[in-house]
Amino acid sequence: MKPPRFSLPNQKGEIRNLADYKGRWVIVYFYPKDDTPGCTTEACSFRDNIALFEGMGVTIFGISKDTVTSHRKFVDKYDLPFDILSDRSAETIQAYGAWGKKKFMGREFDGILRKTFIVGPDGELKKVYPDVTPAEHAQEILKDLKEMQA
């Protein structure tokens, strides 16, 4: 199955298109908000394992509704070595099914769900992680990628 295509600005305002990464493994992860505890933990986990991901030929994209300016501050503050994309309209977020009902402190609301997708070099969707634990997620993906690439 082909994942939804996207064309979104990164933290520098440069447009990134999923189609431009055919031939590479791509991780697309959706997260609620820059510089919040879980989102920071998840991003830093990818950062701390970037050499392993790059060694496997993987490109990582984080996506949220935050602005390009917010993303630039987030990337700079935590020295993130991958692109964080801004989806202000939430079209891509919705296309991936990463928008839905959430609960926080007894309140229910619509928002970005923490979901991750692995896209293979053939441009096909290889794995979906519908429920992510931020601290363990990068290791889980690395393990799965090793099996997929074996």
C-alpha atoms as a PDB file:
ATOM      1  CA  MET A   1       0.000   0.000   0.000  1.00  0.00           C
ATOM      2  CA  LYS A   2       1.255   3.469  -0.882  1.00  0.00           C
ATOM      3  CA  PRO A   3       1.337   6.043   1.919  1.00  0.00           C
ATOM      4  CA  PRO A   4      -0.241   9.462   1.345  1.00  0.00           C
ATOM      5  CA  ARG A   5       2.154  11.843  -0.389  1.00  0.00           C
ATOM      6  CA  PHE A   6       3.093  15.104   1.246  1.00  0.00           C
ATOM      7  CA  SER A   7       4.817  18.352   0.382  1.00  0.00           C
ATOM      8  CA  LEU A   8       5.554  20.300   3.565  1.00  0.00           C
ATOM      9  CA  PRO A   9       8.048  22.912   4.800  1.00  0.00           C
ATOM     10  CA  ASN A  10      10.788  21.867   7.197  1.00  0.00           C
ATOM     11  CA  GLN A  11      12.247  23.935  10.038  1.00  0.00           C
ATOM     12  CA  LYS A  12      14.131  26.092   7.495  1.00  0.00           C
ATOM     13  CA  GLY A  13      11.091  26.619   5.272  1.00  0.00           C
ATOM     14  CA  GLU A  14      12.445  24.193   2.637  1.00  0.00           C
ATOM     15  CA  ILE A  15       9.802  21.972   1.040  1.00  0.00           C
ATOM     16  CA  ARG A  16      10.152  18.232   1.540  1.00  0.00           C
ATOM     17  CA  ASN A  17       8.222  15.818  -0.696  1.00  0.00           C
ATOM     18  CA  LEU A  18       7.883  12.167   0.252  1.00  0.00           C
ATOM     19  CA  ALA A  19       8.186  11.228  -3.436  1.00  0.00           C
ATOM     20  CA  ASP A  20      11.742  12.633  -3.495  1.00  0.00           C
ATOM     21  CA  TYR A  21      12.885   9.889  -1.126  1.00  0.00           C
ATOM     22  CA  LYS A  22      12.000   6.848  -3.214  1.00  0.00           C
ATOM     23  CA  GLY A  23      14.892   4.411  -2.984  1.00  0.00           C
ATOM     24  CA  ARG A  24      15.389   5.135   0.729  1.00  0.00           C
ATOM     25  CA  TRP A  25      13.750   3.921   3.893  1.00  0.00           C
ATOM     26  CA  VAL A  26      11.684   6.727   5.417  1.00  0.00           C
ATOM     27  CA  ILE A  27      10.269   7.090   8.906  1.00  0.00           C
ATOM     28  CA  VAL A  28       7.346   9.506   9.150  1.00  0.00           C
ATOM     29  CA  TYR A  29       6.323  10.177  12.720  1.00  0.00           C
ATOM     30  CA  PHE A  30       3.504  12.387  13.925  1.00  0.00           C
ATOM     31  CA  TYR A  31       3.609  14.100  17.294  1.00  0.00           C
ATOM     32  CA  PRO A  32       1.378  16.616  19.092  1.00  0.00           C
ATOM     33  CA  LYS A  33       3.570  19.600  20.024  1.00  0.00           C
ATOM     34  CA  ASP A  34       7.130  20.900  19.954  1.00  0.00           C
ATOM     35  CA  ASP A  35       9.065  21.078  23.213  1.00  0.00           C
ATOM     36  CA  THR A  36       6.602  19.092  25.338  1.00  0.00           C
ATOM     37  CA  PRO A  37       7.857  16.190  27.485  1.00  0.00           C
ATOM     38  CA  GLY A  38       6.744  13.177  25.401  1.00  0.00           C
ATOM     39  CA  CYS A  39       7.470  14.825  22.061  1.00  0.00           C
ATOM     40  CA  THR A  40      10.925  15.907  23.199  1.00  0.00           C
ATOM     41  CA  THR A  41      11.690  12.411  24.521  1.00  0.00           C
ATOM     42  CA  GLU A  42      10.658  10.863  21.202  1.00  0.00           C
ATOM     43  CA  ALA A  43      12.627  13.347  19.066  1.00  0.00           C
ATOM     44  CA  CYS A  44      15.748  13.010  21.224  1.00  0.00           C
ATOM     45  CA  SER A  45      15.505   9.221  21.035  1.00  0.00           C
ATOM     46  CA  PHE A  46      15.624   9.444  17.238  1.00  0.00           C
ATOM     47  CA  ARG A  47      18.498  11.960  17.531  1.00  0.00           C
ATOM     48  CA  ASP A  48      20.488   9.726  19.884  1.00  0.00           C
ATOM     49  CA  ASN A  49      20.207   6.821  17.423  1.00  0.00           C
ATOM     50  CA  ILE A  50      20.730   8.822  14.221  1.00  0.00           C
ATOM     51  CA  ALA A  51      24.011   7.098  13.325  1.00  0.00           C
ATOM     52  CA  LEU A  52      22.256   3.716  13.370  1.00  0.00           C
ATOM     53  CA  PHE A  53      19.336   5.025  11.285  1.00  0.00           C
ATOM     54  CA  GLU A  54      21.659   6.668   8.751  1.00  0.00           C
ATOM     55  CA  GLY A  55      23.744   3.488   8.585  1.00  0.00           C
ATOM     56  CA  MET A  56      20.574   1.680   7.503  1.00  0.00           C
ATOM     57  CA  GLY A  57      19.806   4.290   4.832  1.00  0.00           C
ATOM     58  CA  VAL A  58      16.890   5.825   6.746  1.00  0.00           C
ATOM     59  CA  THR A  59      15.516   9.371   6.444  1.00  0.00           C
ATOM     60  CA  ILE A  60      13.424  10.613   9.373  1.00  0.00           C
ATOM     61  CA  PHE A  61      10.618  13.180   9.245  1.00  0.00           C
ATOM     62  CA  GLY A  62       8.715  14.404  12.284  1.00  0.00           C
ATOM     63  CA  ILE A  63       5.407  16.149  11.525  1.00  0.00           C
ATOM     64  CA  SER A  64       3.158  18.328  13.677  1.00  0.00           C
ATOM     65  CA  LYS A  65       0.889  21.360  13.257  1.00  0.00           C
ATOM     66  CA  ASP A  66       3.468  23.683  14.834  1.00  0.00           C
ATOM     67  CA  THR A  67       4.871  26.552  12.761  1.00  0.00           C
ATOM     68  CA  VAL A  68       8.168  26.520  10.882  1.00  0.00           C
ATOM     69  CA  THR A  69       9.476  29.021  13.482  1.00  0.00           C
ATOM     70  CA  SER A  70       8.469  26.749  16.369  1.00  0.00           C
ATOM     71  CA  HIS A  71      10.118  23.798  14.610  1.00  0.00           C
ATOM     72  CA  ARG A  72      13.342  25.783  14.077  1.00  0.00           C
ATOM     73  CA  LYS A  73      13.516  26.562  17.813  1.00  0.00           C
ATOM     74  CA  PHE A  74      12.780  22.907  18.691  1.00  0.00           C
ATOM     75  CA  VAL A  75      15.444  21.601  16.298  1.00  0.00           C
ATOM     76  CA  ASP A  76      18.016  24.140  17.526  1.00  0.00           C
ATOM     77  CA  LYS A  77      17.286  23.601  21.228  1.00  0.00           C
ATOM     78  CA  TYR A  78      17.690  19.814  21.027  1.00  0.00           C
ATOM     79  CA  ASP A  79      20.183  19.648  18.134  1.00  0.00           C
ATOM     80  CA  LEU A  80      17.881  17.439  16.070  1.00  0.00           C
ATOM     81  CA  PRO A  81      19.697  16.128  12.951  1.00  0.00           C
ATOM     82  CA  PHE A  82      16.565  15.446  10.896  1.00  0.00           C
ATOM     83  CA  ASP A  83      13.737  17.467   9.386  1.00  0.00           C
ATOM     84  CA  ILE A  84      10.665  18.457  11.351  1.00  0.00           C
ATOM     85  CA  LEU A  85       7.813  19.352   8.996  1.00  0.00           C
ATOM     86  CA  SER A  86       5.013  21.840   9.540  1.00  0.00           C
ATOM     87  CA  ASP A  87       1.486  20.775   8.589  1.00  0.00           C
ATOM     88  CA  ARG A  88      -0.516  23.845   9.651  1.00  0.00           C
ATOM     89  CA  SER A  89      -3.618  22.705   7.746  1.00  0.00           C
ATOM     90  CA  ALA A  90      -3.394  19.165   9.216  1.00  0.00           C
ATOM     91  CA  GLU A  91      -4.159  17.723   5.753  1.00  0.00           C
ATOM     92  CA  THR A  92      -1.217  15.315   5.865  1.00  0.00           C
ATOM     93  CA  ILE A  93      -1.869  14.492   9.514  1.00  0.00           C
ATOM     94  CA  GLN A  94      -5.459  13.580   8.653  1.00  0.00           C
ATOM     95  CA  ALA A  95      -4.469  11.695   5.482  1.00  0.00           C
ATOM     96  CA  TYR A  96      -2.287   9.407   7.638  1.00  0.00           C
ATOM     97  CA  GLY A  97      -5.039   8.918  10.216  1.00  0.00           C
ATOM     98  CA  ALA A  98      -2.970  10.686  12.862  1.00  0.00           C
ATOM     99  CA  TRP A  99      -5.807  13.012  13.913  1.00  0.00           C
ATOM    100  CA  GLY A 100      -8.489  11.927  16.339  1.00  0.00           C
ATOM    101  CA  LYS A 101      -9.991  11.881  19.808  1.00  0.00           C
ATOM    102  CA  LYS A 102      -7.606  12.282  22.733  1.00  0.00           C
ATOM    103  CA  LYS A 103      -8.094  12.459  26.474  1.00  0.00           C
ATOM    104  CA  PHE A 104      -6.080  14.619  28.834  1.00  0.00           C
ATOM    105  CA  MET A 105      -6.908  15.304  32.481  1.00  0.00           C
ATOM    106  CA  GLY A 106     -10.460  14.034  32.028  1.00  0.00           C
ATOM    107  CA  ARG A 107     -11.103  16.213  28.992  1.00  0.00           C
ATOM    108  CA  GLU A 108     -11.745  14.819  25.509  1.00  0.00           C
ATOM    109  CA  PHE A 109     -10.690  16.748  22.405  1.00  0.00           C
ATOM    110  CA  ASP A 110      -9.460  16.287  18.831  1.00  0.00           C
ATOM    111  CA  GLY A 111      -5.738  16.412  18.253  1.00  0.00           C
ATOM    112  CA  ILE A 112      -2.651  14.790  16.770  1.00  0.00           C
ATOM    113  CA  LEU A 113      -2.203  11.138  17.669  1.00  0.00           C
ATOM    114  CA  ARG A 114       1.327   9.866  18.189  1.00  0.00           C
ATOM    115  CA  LYS A 115       1.717   7.524  15.185  1.00  0.00           C
ATOM    116  CA  THR A 116       4.679   6.382  13.108  1.00  0.00           C
ATOM    117  CA  PHE A 117       4.972   4.923   9.614  1.00  0.00           C
ATOM    118  CA  ILE A 118       7.845   3.147   7.877  1.00  0.00           C
ATOM    119  CA  VAL A 119       7.984   3.595   4.103  1.00  0.00           C
ATOM    120  CA  GLY A 120      10.229   1.221   2.178  1.00  0.00           C
ATOM    121  CA  PRO A 121      12.612   2.085  -0.663  1.00  0.00           C
ATOM    122  CA  ASP A 122       9.908   0.878  -3.091  1.00  0.00           C
ATOM    123  CA  GLY A 123       7.610   3.663  -1.831  1.00  0.00           C
ATOM    124  CA  GLU A 124       5.282   1.162  -0.141  1.00  0.00           C
ATOM    125  CA  LEU A 125       4.078   1.382   3.445  1.00  0.00           C
ATOM    126  CA  LYS A 126       5.900  -1.326   5.412  1.00  0.00           C
ATOM    127  CA  LYS A 127       4.745  -0.837   8.997  1.00  0.00           C
ATOM    128  CA  VAL A 128       2.423   1.345  11.066  1.00  0.00           C
ATOM    129  CA  TYR A 129       2.855   2.027  14.769  1.00  0.00           C
ATOM    130  CA  PRO A 130      -0.586   3.171  15.964  1.00  0.00           C
ATOM    131  CA  ASP A 131       0.350   3.628  19.615  1.00  0.00           C
ATOM    132  CA  VAL A 132       3.823   4.878  20.458  1.00  0.00           C
ATOM    133  CA  THR A 133       5.781   4.928  23.727  1.00  0.00           C
ATOM    134  CA  PRO A 134       8.195   7.857  23.167  1.00  0.00           C
ATOM    135  CA  ALA A 135      11.177   6.601  25.193  1.00  0.00           C
ATOM    136  CA  GLU A 136      11.280   3.131  23.574  1.00  0.00           C
ATOM    137  CA  HIS A 137      10.086   3.935  20.084  1.00  0.00           C
ATOM    138  CA  ALA A 138      13.388   4.476  18.254  1.00  0.00           C
ATOM    139  CA  GLN A 139      14.752   1.149  19.532  1.00  0.00           C
ATOM    140  CA  GLU A 140      11.542  -0.620  18.494  1.00  0.00           C
ATOM    141  CA  ILE A 141      11.848   0.798  14.963  1.00  0.00           C
ATOM    142  CA  LEU A 142      15.548  -0.085  14.701  1.00  0.00           C
ATOM    143  CA  LYS A 143      14.760  -3.687  15.654  1.00  0.00           C
ATOM    144  CA  ASP A 144      11.968  -3.879  13.075  1.00  0.00           C
ATOM    145  CA  LEU A 145      14.101  -2.271  10.345  1.00  0.00           C
ATOM    146  CA  LYS A 146      16.875  -4.814  10.943  1.00  0.00           C
ATOM    147  CA  GLU A 147      14.353  -7.613  10.394  1.00  0.00           C
ATOM    148  CA  MET A 148      12.906  -5.943   7.281  1.00  0.00           C
ATOM    149  CA  GLN A 149      16.347  -5.384   5.776  1.00  0.00           C
ATOM    150  CA  ALA A 150      17.654  -8.870   6.578  1.00  0.00           C
END
